[in-house]
Amino acid sequence: MESSHELVRPRSPLTFGKTPLFHSSWLLGLLGFIVTFLPCAVIVQSLVQKEQDEIIKHTRQHAQAIVTKLEGTLEANIAVGRAFRVHVSVLGDLDQAGLNSLGQHLFSDDLHIRHIALAPDLVISAIYPLAGNEAALGLDYNKNTVQKSAALRAIENNQIVLAGPLQLVQGGQQQLIARLPVYLTDGQPWGLIALVIKFDELLQGSGIRDLQYSYDIALRGQDGSGAEGSIFWGQPDLFKSSAERLTINVPGGSWQLAIQPHRGWGVPHSTYLAFWLIATLLSLCVAFLSCTLRKNALQRAVHLKRLETLSAIDPLTKLTSRYQFNHRLKLLIQESQRNKEGFALLYIDLDHFKQINDSLGHAVGDQLLIAISQKLKASMRSYDLLSRISGDEFVLVLRNLTQTIAIEKRVEAISKQINTTMAAGSLDLSVTCSIGIAVYPADGNDVDTLIKHADRAMYEGKRSGRNVSYFFNTSMRDEADRYIKLTAGMKRGLDNSEFQVYYQPIFDLHQKKFTRCEALCRWISPTHGAIPPSDFIPVAEKSGFILPLSTWVTEEVLKCYQETEAL
């Protein structure tokens, strides 16, 4: 006996946390987040590195500009000292008056020279401008412990030496001193020219102070001692950090500049957070989209599975639905063709079921159908097919049965099962059935033909008195073929104007005149001639072709009426 079918209602796909649907969607969302976040993290790191490179690049550009400006400004100031040195080397000593005259021509406002001092034999004898610098007159470098070594080094090496920044003898702010050794044309040392440069103005003119708003800056290498020298300006701890370091070439040595942004070399915190926020939001969007799409796909699969279940099983009787039955019957036909086997198809219709439904209600009718389906299932074998294909019509396929006697025995047993009294609610009902039988392959070799022929045989049984079984036979086949040909011929005939309307006048005996007429439809076939209405009208009514045919007749009558009225 065929196992009972149960319509299983799937668990709600929206029961999050309890169903595999949620876990599957959540895991896919997590996977989407990871797959998106990893490359985003790489991109963020790349962007951060690029930002850091840009910060380093801009810092170096600013620092290099400062270095170039400092070196150029120093050279421009020292060039004045070189002019004095050339004058002394060629023309000899300069007294105070000569120094004043020459200084007025060489000094300019765009230079940062505080004053210039002439020291023949390393003793300062003249200063320009003298005002405010009188205390330096008579200074003997050989006796000044602070400046002696630098002065002697300049003479011995015949090289300009930049000292400082340092405190001058006459006081004031720390200044730079460029000492230029002077040799006469005969090669004898003359002494020194000391050029005092305003250190603070030199820094201001180079733009280094403006950079302090954005950068930490420091200078070291006092007296031109480079990286080994002491720090003389800026933040002392800067040289202990990862600050960028550049060399500033000065006469007789070098300075070292250290520079880094106030916030360090890292990307600004706001920019860093913005990068990661964008990466995280993008990953979350992908995760949400993945989770949503996965959930929708799984929900769709669940709904499709449910629809498939609904389409496969009749919800009332739990029998195989017509759609699923047709599919299984098609497979059975293919199998029977391969194995050269046959089967019988029974089309079962309950007698007077409509009257039961109308008089007792649909609820009683449904209970009756359930009871009938249970009896049919009880009378079939496990490998037979059973389906409810419409309201009170069932189709039963008996496999491996082709002999008439064997089929009749099975049909008789099925009829007895159905014809017994059945309880439907509080009522005991006695129901009979009419059965049409078609045999494969004799009565058809496809699903539609077999069902149609069995249906035809069942209706023949009902016409003969109901509660009977009828085999499909040759006469039924001929009638079916005729039905098909007439249906196709009528459709073709209407398109080809083969139908005509004849008007039969009606004579009124009381008025003793023709008062109206009756429109009659006639079919004049070019191959079969005039076909009687008694032949094609019943077929048109059964096939539904009566509607377009009636519409055409109505239009023709109205057209004729309008033409008559126009006369």
Protein backbone atom coordinates (compact mmCIF):
# COMPACT_ATOMS: atom_id res chain seq x y z
CA MET A 1 0.00 0.00 0.00
CA GLU A 2 1.27 3.45 -0.85
CA SER A 3 2.80 5.21 2.10
CA SER A 4 0.81 8.18 3.33
CA HIS A 5 1.98 11.64 2.36
CA GLU A 6 2.25 14.34 5.02
CA LEU A 7 2.36 18.01 4.22
CA VAL A 8 5.32 19.15 6.29
CA ARG A 9 5.30 22.80 7.26
CA PRO A 10 8.89 24.07 7.30
CA ARG A 11 10.13 25.88 10.36
CA SER A 12 9.95 29.61 10.02
CA PRO A 13 13.14 30.94 8.44
CA LEU A 14 12.82 34.03 10.65
CA THR A 15 13.34 32.13 13.93
CA PHE A 16 16.83 33.50 14.38
CA GLY A 17 19.19 31.74 16.71
CA LYS A 18 17.30 28.45 16.46
CA THR A 19 17.43 27.43 12.83
CA PRO A 20 20.29 26.53 10.50
CA LEU A 21 19.09 29.38 8.29
CA PHE A 22 20.27 31.98 10.79
CA HIS A 23 23.59 30.28 11.41
CA SER A 24 24.23 29.87 7.70
CA SER A 25 23.37 33.51 6.98
CA TRP A 26 25.38 34.73 9.96
CA LEU A 27 28.42 32.69 8.98
CA LEU A 28 28.23 33.95 5.40
CA GLY A 29 27.94 37.50 6.71
CA LEU A 30 31.00 36.92 8.92
CA LEU A 31 32.86 35.47 5.96
CA GLY A 32 31.85 38.47 3.85
CA PHE A 33 33.11 40.79 6.60
CA ILE A 34 36.45 38.98 6.82
CA VAL A 35 36.90 38.73 3.06
CA THR A 36 36.18 42.46 2.71
CA PHE A 37 37.98 43.64 5.84
CA LEU A 38 41.29 41.92 5.06
CA PRO A 39 41.89 43.68 1.72
CA CYS A 40 40.49 46.87 3.24
CA ALA A 41 43.02 46.54 6.05
CA VAL A 42 45.79 46.15 3.48
CA ILE A 43 44.50 49.20 1.64
CA VAL A 44 44.28 51.18 4.89
CA GLN A 45 47.85 50.23 5.77
CA SER A 46 48.92 51.26 2.28
CA LEU A 47 47.09 54.58 2.62
CA VAL A 48 48.57 55.14 6.07
CA GLN A 49 52.04 54.37 4.74
CA LYS A 50 51.43 56.71 1.82
CA GLU A 51 50.33 59.45 4.21
CA GLN A 52 53.43 58.86 6.32
CA ASP A 53 55.60 59.02 3.22
CA GLU A 54 53.91 62.29 2.27
CA ILE A 55 54.53 63.67 5.76
CA ILE A 56 58.21 62.71 5.55
CA LYS A 57 58.45 64.10 2.03
CA HIS A 58 56.90 67.44 2.99
CA THR A 59 59.03 67.65 6.13
CA ARG A 60 62.18 67.04 4.12
CA GLN A 61 61.12 69.64 1.58
CA HIS A 62 60.56 72.25 4.29
CA ALA A 63 63.78 71.32 6.05
CA GLN A 64 65.79 71.41 2.85
CA ALA A 65 64.36 74.83 2.08
CA ILE A 66 65.52 76.04 5.50
CA VAL A 67 68.98 74.56 4.98
CA THR A 68 69.30 76.19 1.57
CA LYS A 69 68.09 79.53 2.91
CA LEU A 70 70.45 79.44 5.91
CA GLU A 71 73.44 78.49 3.79
CA GLY A 72 72.62 81.14 1.21
CA THR A 73 72.00 83.86 3.77
CA LEU A 74 75.23 83.07 5.62
CA GLU A 75 77.18 83.13 2.37
CA ALA A 76 75.63 86.49 1.41
CA ASN A 77 76.68 88.00 4.74
CA ILE A 78 80.17 86.50 4.69
CA ALA A 79 80.66 87.80 1.14
CA VAL A 80 80.90 91.29 2.67
CA GLY A 81 83.74 90.08 4.86
CA ARG A 82 85.46 88.63 1.83
CA ALA A 83 85.30 92.04 0.15
CA PHE A 84 87.02 93.63 3.15
CA ARG A 85 89.63 90.87 3.14
CA VAL A 86 90.46 91.49 -0.51
CA HIS A 87 90.80 95.20 0.16
CA VAL A 88 93.17 94.67 3.07
CA SER A 89 95.19 92.00 1.25
CA VAL A 90 95.82 94.30 -1.69
CA LEU A 91 95.87 97.79 -0.18
CA GLY A 92 97.01 97.10 3.35
CA ASP A 93 95.67 98.40 6.64
CA LEU A 94 92.37 100.19 7.04
CA ASP A 95 91.97 102.78 9.76
CA GLN A 96 88.68 103.60 11.40
CA ALA A 97 87.85 106.30 8.86
CA GLY A 98 88.55 104.04 5.91
CA LEU A 99 86.55 101.24 7.50
CA ASN A 100 83.61 103.58 8.04
CA SER A 101 83.70 104.74 4.44
CA LEU A 102 83.93 101.25 3.01
CA GLY A 103 81.37 99.83 5.43
CA GLN A 104 78.77 102.38 4.40
CA HIS A 105 79.03 101.13 0.82
CA LEU A 106 79.07 97.39 1.54
CA PHE A 107 76.52 97.07 4.33
CA SER A 108 72.84 96.86 3.27
CA ASP A 109 69.50 96.40 5.02
CA ASP A 110 68.90 92.91 3.61
CA LEU A 111 71.99 91.60 5.42
CA HIS A 112 72.11 90.54 9.06
CA ILE A 113 75.58 91.94 9.88
CA ARG A 114 75.78 93.50 13.32
CA HIS A 115 79.29 94.89 12.86
CA ILE A 116 82.71 94.15 11.37
CA ALA A 117 86.00 94.33 13.25
CA LEU A 118 89.56 94.56 11.88
CA ALA A 119 92.17 92.76 14.01
CA PRO A 120 95.70 93.15 12.61
CA ASP A 121 98.04 90.90 14.58
CA LEU A 122 94.88 89.51 16.24
CA VAL A 123 94.13 92.78 18.09
CA ILE A 124 90.93 94.64 17.20
CA SER A 125 91.83 98.13 15.99
CA ALA A 126 88.74 99.31 14.11
CA ILE A 127 85.02 98.49 14.20
CA TYR A 128 82.13 99.46 11.93
CA PRO A 129 79.77 100.67 13.15
CA LEU A 130 81.67 101.78 16.21
CA ALA A 131 78.71 103.03 18.21
CA GLY A 132 77.78 100.45 20.82
CA ASN A 133 80.84 98.33 20.12
CA GLU A 134 83.51 100.45 21.75
CA ALA A 135 84.10 97.76 24.38
CA ALA A 136 85.52 95.45 21.75
CA LEU A 137 88.28 97.85 20.69
CA GLY A 138 91.65 96.59 21.78
CA LEU A 139 90.50 92.99 22.25
CA ASP A 140 93.51 90.70 21.90
CA TYR A 141 92.49 87.27 20.66
CA ASN A 142 95.70 85.79 22.02
CA LYS A 143 94.56 86.75 25.52
CA ASN A 144 90.85 85.85 25.14
CA THR A 145 90.49 82.24 26.23
CA VAL A 146 87.00 81.93 24.73
CA GLN A 147 87.87 83.05 21.22
CA LYS A 148 91.60 82.34 21.00
CA SER A 149 91.41 78.78 19.64
CA ALA A 150 88.99 79.67 16.87
CA ALA A 151 91.03 82.69 15.84
CA LEU A 152 94.28 80.77 15.73
CA ARG A 153 92.63 77.91 13.80
CA ALA A 154 91.46 80.33 11.15
CA ILE A 155 94.97 81.80 10.75
CA GLU A 156 96.73 78.44 10.75
CA ASN A 157 94.35 76.82 8.27
CA ASN A 158 93.86 80.00 6.24
CA GLN A 159 90.15 79.15 6.34
CA ILE A 160 87.08 81.09 7.29
CA VAL A 161 85.77 79.84 10.63
CA LEU A 162 82.24 80.45 11.92
CA ALA A 163 82.03 80.56 15.69
CA GLY A 164 79.00 80.72 17.92
CA PRO A 165 76.45 81.52 18.59
CA LEU A 166 78.21 83.11 21.58
CA GLN A 167 78.05 86.09 23.93
CA LEU A 168 80.00 89.13 22.72
CA VAL A 169 82.36 91.08 24.90
CA GLN A 170 80.14 94.13 24.58
CA GLY A 171 77.10 92.11 25.75
CA GLY A 172 73.69 91.70 24.16
CA GLN A 173 72.22 88.62 22.52
CA GLN A 174 74.25 85.70 21.28
CA GLN A 175 75.67 86.22 17.82
CA LEU A 176 77.63 84.40 15.16
CA ILE A 177 81.22 85.44 14.41
CA ALA A 178 82.78 84.67 11.06
CA ARG A 179 86.56 85.01 11.31
CA LEU A 180 88.27 85.56 7.99
CA PRO A 181 92.09 85.14 7.99
CA VAL A 182 93.88 87.85 6.01
CA TYR A 183 97.20 87.35 4.25
CA LEU A 184 99.01 90.11 2.42
CA THR A 185 100.06 89.74 -1.18
CA ASP A 186 103.54 88.70 -0.07
CA GLY A 187 102.07 85.81 1.88
CA GLN A 188 102.58 87.30 5.31
CA PRO A 189 99.69 86.97 7.77
CA TRP A 190 98.05 90.29 8.47
CA GLY A 191 95.48 89.23 11.04
CA LEU A 192 91.72 88.62 11.16
CA ILE A 193 88.53 90.24 10.04
CA ALA A 194 85.67 89.39 12.41
CA LEU A 195 82.20 89.61 10.91
CA VAL A 196 79.47 89.49 13.57
CA ILE A 197 76.13 88.19 12.23
CA LYS A 198 72.86 88.65 14.10
CA PHE A 199 71.88 85.08 14.88
CA ASP A 200 68.24 85.79 15.70
CA GLU A 201 67.68 87.78 12.49
CA LEU A 202 69.42 85.05 10.49
CA LEU A 203 66.94 82.48 11.81
CA GLN A 204 64.01 84.79 11.23
CA GLY A 205 65.05 85.48 7.68
CA SER A 206 65.44 81.78 6.88
CA GLY A 207 61.82 81.05 7.83
CA ILE A 208 62.75 78.51 10.47
CA ARG A 209 60.67 80.25 13.12
CA ASP A 210 57.55 80.02 10.98
CA LEU A 211 57.99 76.26 10.78
CA GLN A 212 57.88 76.03 14.56
CA TYR A 213 54.09 76.30 14.38
CA SER A 214 53.97 72.85 12.76
CA TYR A 215 57.32 71.26 13.53
CA ASP A 216 59.69 70.64 16.40
CA ILE A 217 63.12 71.96 15.33
CA ALA A 218 66.58 72.05 16.88
CA LEU A 219 70.12 73.01 15.80
CA ARG A 220 73.42 71.68 17.06
CA GLY A 221 77.09 71.89 16.11
CA GLN A 222 78.17 75.07 17.85
CA ASP A 223 81.31 76.58 16.32
CA GLY A 224 80.70 74.45 13.22
CA SER A 225 81.39 71.17 15.05
CA GLY A 226 78.52 69.30 13.32
CA ALA A 227 76.85 66.28 14.92
CA GLU A 228 79.46 66.20 17.71
CA GLY A 229 78.74 69.75 18.79
CA SER A 230 76.41 71.00 21.43
CA ILE A 231 72.79 72.01 20.87
CA PHE A 232 72.52 75.78 20.58
CA TRP A 233 68.90 76.33 19.51
CA GLY A 234 65.56 74.53 19.75
CA GLN A 235 64.43 71.48 21.71
CA PRO A 236 67.37 69.53 23.15
CA ASP A 237 65.58 66.15 23.29
CA LEU A 238 64.81 66.22 19.58
CA PHE A 239 68.15 64.66 18.66
CA LYS A 240 67.28 61.65 20.82
CA SER A 241 64.15 60.94 18.78
CA SER A 242 63.52 59.76 15.23
CA ALA A 243 63.59 63.31 13.88
CA GLU A 244 64.79 63.93 10.34
CA ARG A 245 68.38 65.26 10.36
CA LEU A 246 70.03 67.45 7.74
CA THR A 247 73.49 68.98 7.53
CA ILE A 248 73.93 72.73 7.15
CA ASN A 249 77.31 73.61 5.70
CA VAL A 250 78.84 76.67 7.35
CA PRO A 251 82.33 78.14 6.93
CA GLY A 252 84.87 75.91 8.64
CA GLY A 253 82.41 73.15 9.56
CA SER A 254 78.72 72.32 9.72
CA TRP A 255 75.57 72.47 11.78
CA GLN A 256 72.97 69.74 12.08
CA LEU A 257 69.25 70.43 11.89
CA ALA A 258 66.70 68.07 13.47
CA ILE A 259 63.02 68.35 12.52
CA GLN A 260 59.82 66.40 12.97
CA PRO A 261 56.09 67.23 13.06
CA HIS A 262 54.59 68.12 16.43
CA ARG A 263 52.44 64.95 16.31
CA GLY A 264 55.34 62.78 15.21
CA TRP A 265 55.65 60.87 11.98
CA GLY A 266 52.36 59.07 12.37
CA VAL A 267 49.22 59.87 10.41
CA PRO A 268 46.89 62.29 12.21
CA HIS A 269 44.62 60.44 14.60
CA SER A 270 41.50 61.75 12.87
CA THR A 271 42.74 60.58 9.45
CA TYR A 272 43.74 57.21 10.88
CA LEU A 273 40.32 56.74 12.46
CA ALA A 274 38.59 57.87 9.25
CA PHE A 275 40.45 55.24 7.20
CA TRP A 276 39.56 52.43 9.60
CA LEU A 277 36.00 53.67 10.01
CA ILE A 278 35.47 53.58 6.24
CA ALA A 279 37.04 50.10 6.02
CA THR A 280 34.88 48.83 8.89
CA LEU A 281 31.67 50.35 7.53
CA LEU A 282 32.37 48.95 4.07
CA SER A 283 33.03 45.51 5.55
CA LEU A 284 29.86 45.71 7.65
CA CYS A 285 27.85 46.70 4.57
CA VAL A 286 29.22 43.72 2.65
CA ALA A 287 28.56 41.47 5.65
CA PHE A 288 24.99 42.75 5.96
CA LEU A 289 24.42 42.40 2.22
CA SER A 290 25.88 38.87 2.23
CA CYS A 291 23.80 37.88 5.24
CA THR A 292 20.64 39.39 3.75
CA LEU A 293 21.16 37.82 0.32
CA ARG A 294 21.94 34.46 1.90
CA LYS A 295 18.90 34.67 4.16
CA ASN A 296 16.70 35.66 1.23
CA ALA A 297 18.12 32.83 -0.88
CA LEU A 298 17.53 30.30 1.90
CA GLN A 299 14.05 31.65 2.55
CA ARG A 300 13.32 31.41 -1.14
CA ALA A 301 14.61 27.84 -1.17
CA VAL A 302 12.41 27.00 1.84
CA HIS A 303 9.38 28.59 0.21
CA LEU A 304 10.08 26.85 -3.09
CA LYS A 305 10.43 23.57 -1.22
CA ARG A 306 7.15 24.24 0.50
CA LEU A 307 5.49 25.15 -2.79
CA GLU A 308 6.96 22.02 -4.32
CA THR A 309 5.48 20.03 -1.45
CA LEU A 310 2.14 21.76 -1.90
CA SER A 311 2.24 21.13 -5.64
CA ALA A 312 3.16 17.48 -5.10
CA ILE A 313 0.45 16.65 -2.54
CA ASP A 314 -3.25 17.39 -2.51
CA PRO A 315 -3.73 19.34 0.77
CA LEU A 316 -7.17 17.83 1.49
CA THR A 317 -6.68 14.13 0.84
CA LYS A 318 -2.86 14.00 1.13
CA LEU A 319 -2.81 12.14 -2.18
CA THR A 320 -0.39 12.91 -5.00
CA SER A 321 -1.37 16.12 -6.77
CA ARG A 322 -2.23 16.20 -10.45
CA TYR A 323 1.05 17.92 -11.32
CA GLN A 324 3.12 15.31 -9.49
CA PHE A 325 0.93 12.48 -10.80
CA ASN A 326 1.46 13.59 -14.41
CA HIS A 327 5.21 13.64 -13.80
CA ARG A 328 5.22 10.15 -12.29
CA LEU A 329 2.93 8.80 -15.00
CA LYS A 330 5.28 10.17 -17.65
CA LEU A 331 8.19 8.37 -15.99
CA LEU A 332 6.10 5.18 -15.78
CA ILE A 333 5.34 5.38 -19.52
CA GLN A 334 9.06 5.71 -20.28
CA GLU A 335 9.85 2.77 -18.02
CA SER A 336 7.07 0.66 -19.56
CA GLN A 337 8.35 1.44 -23.06
CA ARG A 338 11.82 0.23 -22.10
CA ASN A 339 10.55 -2.92 -20.35
CA LYS A 340 7.70 -3.56 -22.85
CA GLU A 341 5.17 -3.62 -20.04
CA GLY A 342 1.65 -2.27 -19.73
CA PHE A 343 -0.73 -0.86 -17.14
CA ALA A 344 -4.34 0.15 -16.67
CA LEU A 345 -5.44 3.71 -15.89
CA LEU A 346 -8.73 4.08 -14.00
CA TYR A 347 -10.61 7.38 -14.09
CA ILE A 348 -12.93 7.34 -11.04
CA ASP A 349 -15.77 9.83 -10.63
CA LEU A 350 -18.17 9.85 -7.65
CA ASP A 351 -21.83 9.72 -8.64
CA HIS A 352 -24.09 12.56 -7.48
CA PHE A 353 -21.28 14.19 -5.46
CA LYS A 354 -22.43 17.67 -6.48
CA GLN A 355 -25.83 17.06 -4.93
CA ILE A 356 -24.18 15.95 -1.67
CA ASN A 357 -22.02 19.07 -1.64
CA ASP A 358 -24.95 21.37 -2.37
CA SER A 359 -27.33 19.82 0.13
CA LEU A 360 -25.03 18.91 3.03
CA GLY A 361 -22.30 21.50 2.60
CA HIS A 362 -18.67 21.51 1.57
CA ALA A 363 -17.46 20.36 4.98
CA VAL A 364 -19.37 17.08 4.61
CA GLY A 365 -18.17 16.82 1.02
CA ASP A 366 -14.56 17.22 2.14
CA GLN A 367 -14.94 14.52 4.78
CA LEU A 368 -16.42 12.24 2.16
CA LEU A 369 -13.49 12.85 -0.21
CA ILE A 370 -11.03 12.08 2.60
CA ALA A 371 -12.84 8.83 3.37
CA ILE A 372 -12.89 7.85 -0.34
CA SER A 373 -9.17 8.58 -0.69
CA GLN A 374 -8.41 6.38 2.32
CA LYS A 375 -10.43 3.52 0.82
CA LEU A 376 -8.65 3.91 -2.52
CA LYS A 377 -5.26 3.85 -0.81
CA ALA A 378 -6.30 0.72 1.04
CA SER A 379 -7.20 -1.01 -2.23
CA MET A 380 -3.97 -0.21 -4.12
CA ARG A 381 -0.53 -1.76 -4.10
CA SER A 382 2.59 0.04 -2.96
CA TYR A 383 3.83 0.49 -6.55
CA ASP A 384 0.51 1.72 -8.01
CA LEU A 385 -0.19 5.43 -8.55
CA LEU A 386 -3.14 7.35 -7.11
CA SER A 387 -4.09 10.99 -7.47
CA ARG A 388 -7.02 13.33 -6.97
CA ILE A 389 -6.98 15.41 -10.14
CA SER A 390 -10.12 17.50 -9.55
CA GLY A 391 -13.04 17.94 -7.13
CA ASP A 392 -14.51 14.41 -7.02
CA GLU A 393 -12.35 12.73 -9.66
CA PHE A 394 -9.52 10.31 -8.93
CA VAL A 395 -7.06 8.54 -11.20
CA LEU A 396 -5.60 5.17 -10.24
CA VAL A 397 -2.84 3.44 -12.21
CA LEU A 398 -2.61 -0.32 -11.82
CA ARG A 399 0.85 -1.38 -12.90
CA ASN A 400 1.46 -4.59 -14.85
CA LEU A 401 -2.24 -5.12 -15.53
CA THR A 402 -3.34 -5.30 -19.17
CA GLN A 403 -5.66 -8.34 -19.26
CA THR A 404 -9.33 -7.41 -19.27
CA ILE A 405 -10.38 -10.08 -16.75
CA ALA A 406 -7.69 -9.11 -14.24
CA ILE A 407 -8.56 -5.44 -14.62
CA GLU A 408 -12.28 -6.12 -14.14
CA LYS A 409 -11.59 -8.03 -10.89
CA ARG A 410 -9.57 -5.14 -9.51
CA VAL A 411 -12.17 -2.60 -10.62
CA GLU A 412 -14.95 -4.65 -8.99
CA ALA A 413 -13.03 -4.78 -5.71
CA ILE A 414 -12.43 -1.02 -5.82
CA SER A 415 -16.11 -0.34 -6.54
CA LYS A 416 -17.15 -2.49 -3.56
CA GLN A 417 -14.75 -0.55 -1.32
CA ILE A 418 -16.27 2.76 -2.41
CA ASN A 419 -19.90 1.61 -2.52
CA THR A 420 -19.96 0.71 1.18
CA THR A 421 -21.62 3.08 3.61
CA MET A 422 -19.23 5.71 4.96
CA ALA A 423 -19.45 8.04 7.92
CA ALA A 424 -19.15 11.73 7.13
CA GLY A 425 -19.47 13.62 10.38
CA SER A 426 -22.72 12.51 12.01
CA LEU A 427 -24.11 11.14 8.73
CA ASP A 428 -23.81 7.72 7.09
CA LEU A 429 -23.58 8.12 3.34
CA SER A 430 -23.76 5.56 0.57
CA VAL A 431 -21.78 6.58 -2.49
CA THR A 432 -21.30 4.93 -5.88
CA CYS A 433 -18.78 5.68 -8.57
CA SER A 434 -18.35 5.49 -12.33
CA ILE A 435 -15.01 4.24 -13.63
CA GLY A 436 -13.47 4.73 -17.06
CA ILE A 437 -10.59 2.44 -18.04
CA ALA A 438 -7.77 3.01 -20.54
CA VAL A 439 -4.97 0.51 -21.08
CA TYR A 440 -1.40 1.37 -22.01
CA PRO A 441 -0.23 1.07 -24.75
CA ALA A 442 -3.39 0.04 -26.60
CA ASP A 443 -5.41 3.15 -25.70
CA GLY A 444 -2.62 5.74 -25.79
CA ASN A 445 1.09 6.18 -25.28
CA ASP A 446 1.24 9.56 -23.53
CA VAL A 447 -0.19 11.07 -20.36
CA ASP A 448 -2.80 13.36 -21.90
CA THR A 449 -4.16 10.74 -24.30
CA LEU A 450 -4.52 8.05 -21.63
CA ILE A 451 -6.29 10.37 -19.17
CA LYS A 452 -8.52 11.77 -21.92
CA HIS A 453 -9.54 8.30 -23.12
CA ALA A 454 -10.22 7.04 -19.60
CA ASP A 455 -12.26 10.20 -18.94
CA ARG A 456 -14.20 9.56 -22.14
CA ALA A 457 -14.93 5.98 -21.08
CA MET A 458 -16.09 7.19 -17.65
CA TYR A 459 -18.59 9.61 -19.21
CA GLU A 460 -19.91 6.85 -21.41
CA GLY A 461 -20.53 4.88 -18.23
CA LYS A 462 -22.40 7.77 -16.65
CA ARG A 463 -24.57 8.10 -19.76
CA SER A 464 -25.49 4.44 -19.48
CA GLY A 465 -26.75 4.76 -15.91
CA ARG A 466 -23.81 5.42 -13.52
CA ASN A 467 -22.24 3.03 -11.00
CA VAL A 468 -20.59 1.14 -13.85
CA SER A 469 -17.12 0.70 -15.30
CA TYR A 470 -16.36 1.20 -18.99
CA PHE A 471 -13.34 0.28 -21.07
CA PHE A 472 -12.26 2.73 -23.71
CA ASN A 473 -12.99 1.18 -27.16
CA THR A 474 -12.63 1.85 -30.88
CA SER A 475 -15.94 3.66 -31.22
CA MET A 476 -14.94 6.04 -28.47
CA ARG A 477 -11.60 6.59 -30.19
CA ASP A 478 -13.37 7.35 -33.45
CA GLU A 479 -15.66 9.76 -31.67
CA ALA A 480 -12.69 11.36 -29.97
CA ASP A 481 -10.89 11.73 -33.29
CA ARG A 482 -14.03 13.21 -34.77
CA TYR A 483 -14.27 15.64 -31.86
CA ILE A 484 -10.68 16.75 -32.38
CA LYS A 485 -11.12 17.15 -36.14
CA LEU A 486 -14.38 19.07 -35.77
CA THR A 487 -12.88 21.40 -33.15
CA ALA A 488 -9.85 22.16 -35.31
CA GLY A 489 -12.05 22.48 -38.42
CA MET A 490 -14.38 24.98 -36.76
CA LYS A 491 -11.48 27.19 -35.65
CA ARG A 492 -10.01 27.08 -39.12
CA GLY A 493 -13.43 27.59 -40.74
CA LEU A 494 -14.13 30.72 -38.69
CA ASP A 495 -10.80 32.21 -39.78
CA ASN A 496 -11.48 31.29 -43.44
CA SER A 497 -15.07 32.63 -43.51
CA GLU A 498 -16.62 29.18 -43.97
CA PHE A 499 -19.53 29.98 -41.64
CA GLN A 500 -22.61 31.75 -42.98
CA VAL A 501 -25.74 33.24 -41.40
CA TYR A 502 -29.16 32.36 -42.88
CA TYR A 503 -32.31 34.17 -41.84
CA GLN A 504 -35.56 32.23 -41.45
CA PRO A 505 -38.63 34.54 -41.44
CA ILE A 506 -41.30 34.05 -38.77
CA PHE A 507 -44.97 34.57 -39.76
CA ASP A 508 -47.33 36.04 -37.14
CA LEU A 509 -50.76 34.36 -37.54
CA HIS A 510 -52.57 37.07 -35.60
CA GLN A 511 -51.10 39.90 -37.60
CA LYS A 512 -50.98 37.78 -40.73
CA LYS A 513 -47.55 39.01 -41.70
CA PHE A 514 -43.85 38.32 -41.27
CA THR A 515 -42.78 40.18 -38.13
CA ARG A 516 -39.24 38.95 -37.44
CA CYS A 517 -36.70 36.36 -38.47
CA GLU A 518 -34.44 33.80 -36.85
CA ALA A 519 -30.66 33.82 -37.51
CA LEU A 520 -29.31 30.34 -38.28
CA CYS A 521 -25.59 29.50 -38.37
CA ARG A 522 -24.47 27.18 -41.14
CA TRP A 523 -21.04 25.73 -41.83
CA ILE A 524 -20.12 25.21 -45.48
CA SER A 525 -16.83 23.29 -45.58
CA PRO A 526 -14.91 23.46 -48.89
CA THR A 527 -13.97 19.76 -48.49
CA HIS A 528 -17.01 18.22 -46.75
CA GLY A 529 -19.75 20.54 -47.93
CA ALA A 530 -22.56 21.57 -45.61
CA ILE A 531 -22.06 20.17 -42.11
CA PRO A 532 -25.31 19.89 -40.12
CA PRO A 533 -25.61 22.02 -36.97
CA SER A 534 -26.50 18.85 -35.06
CA ASP A 535 -22.93 17.68 -35.74
CA PHE A 536 -20.87 20.75 -34.91
CA ILE A 537 -22.99 22.64 -32.34
CA PRO A 538 -22.63 19.98 -29.55
CA VAL A 539 -18.89 19.83 -30.19
CA ALA A 540 -18.67 23.63 -30.10
CA GLU A 541 -20.52 23.69 -26.78
CA LYS A 542 -18.32 21.01 -25.25
CA SER A 543 -15.03 22.51 -26.46
CA GLY A 544 -15.95 26.09 -25.57
CA PHE A 545 -15.81 27.21 -29.19
CA ILE A 546 -19.45 28.19 -28.91
CA LEU A 547 -18.39 31.56 -27.41
CA PRO A 548 -16.31 32.91 -30.34
CA LEU A 549 -18.84 31.38 -32.77
CA SER A 550 -21.75 33.15 -31.02
CA THR A 551 -19.81 36.42 -31.03
CA TRP A 552 -19.22 36.12 -34.76
CA VAL A 553 -22.93 35.39 -35.44
CA THR A 554 -23.98 38.41 -33.34
CA GLU A 555 -21.60 40.70 -35.23
CA GLU A 556 -22.88 39.43 -38.58
CA VAL A 557 -26.52 39.97 -37.55
CA LEU A 558 -25.80 43.53 -36.38
CA LYS A 559 -23.94 44.28 -39.59
CA CYS A 560 -26.86 42.99 -41.64
CA TYR A 561 -29.32 45.02 -39.56
CA GLN A 562 -27.34 48.23 -40.11
CA GLU A 563 -27.17 47.61 -43.85
CA THR A 564 -30.93 46.99 -43.96
CA GLU A 565 -31.69 50.17 -42.02
CA ALA A 566 -29.51 52.17 -44.42
CA LEU A 567 -31.67 51.14 -47.42
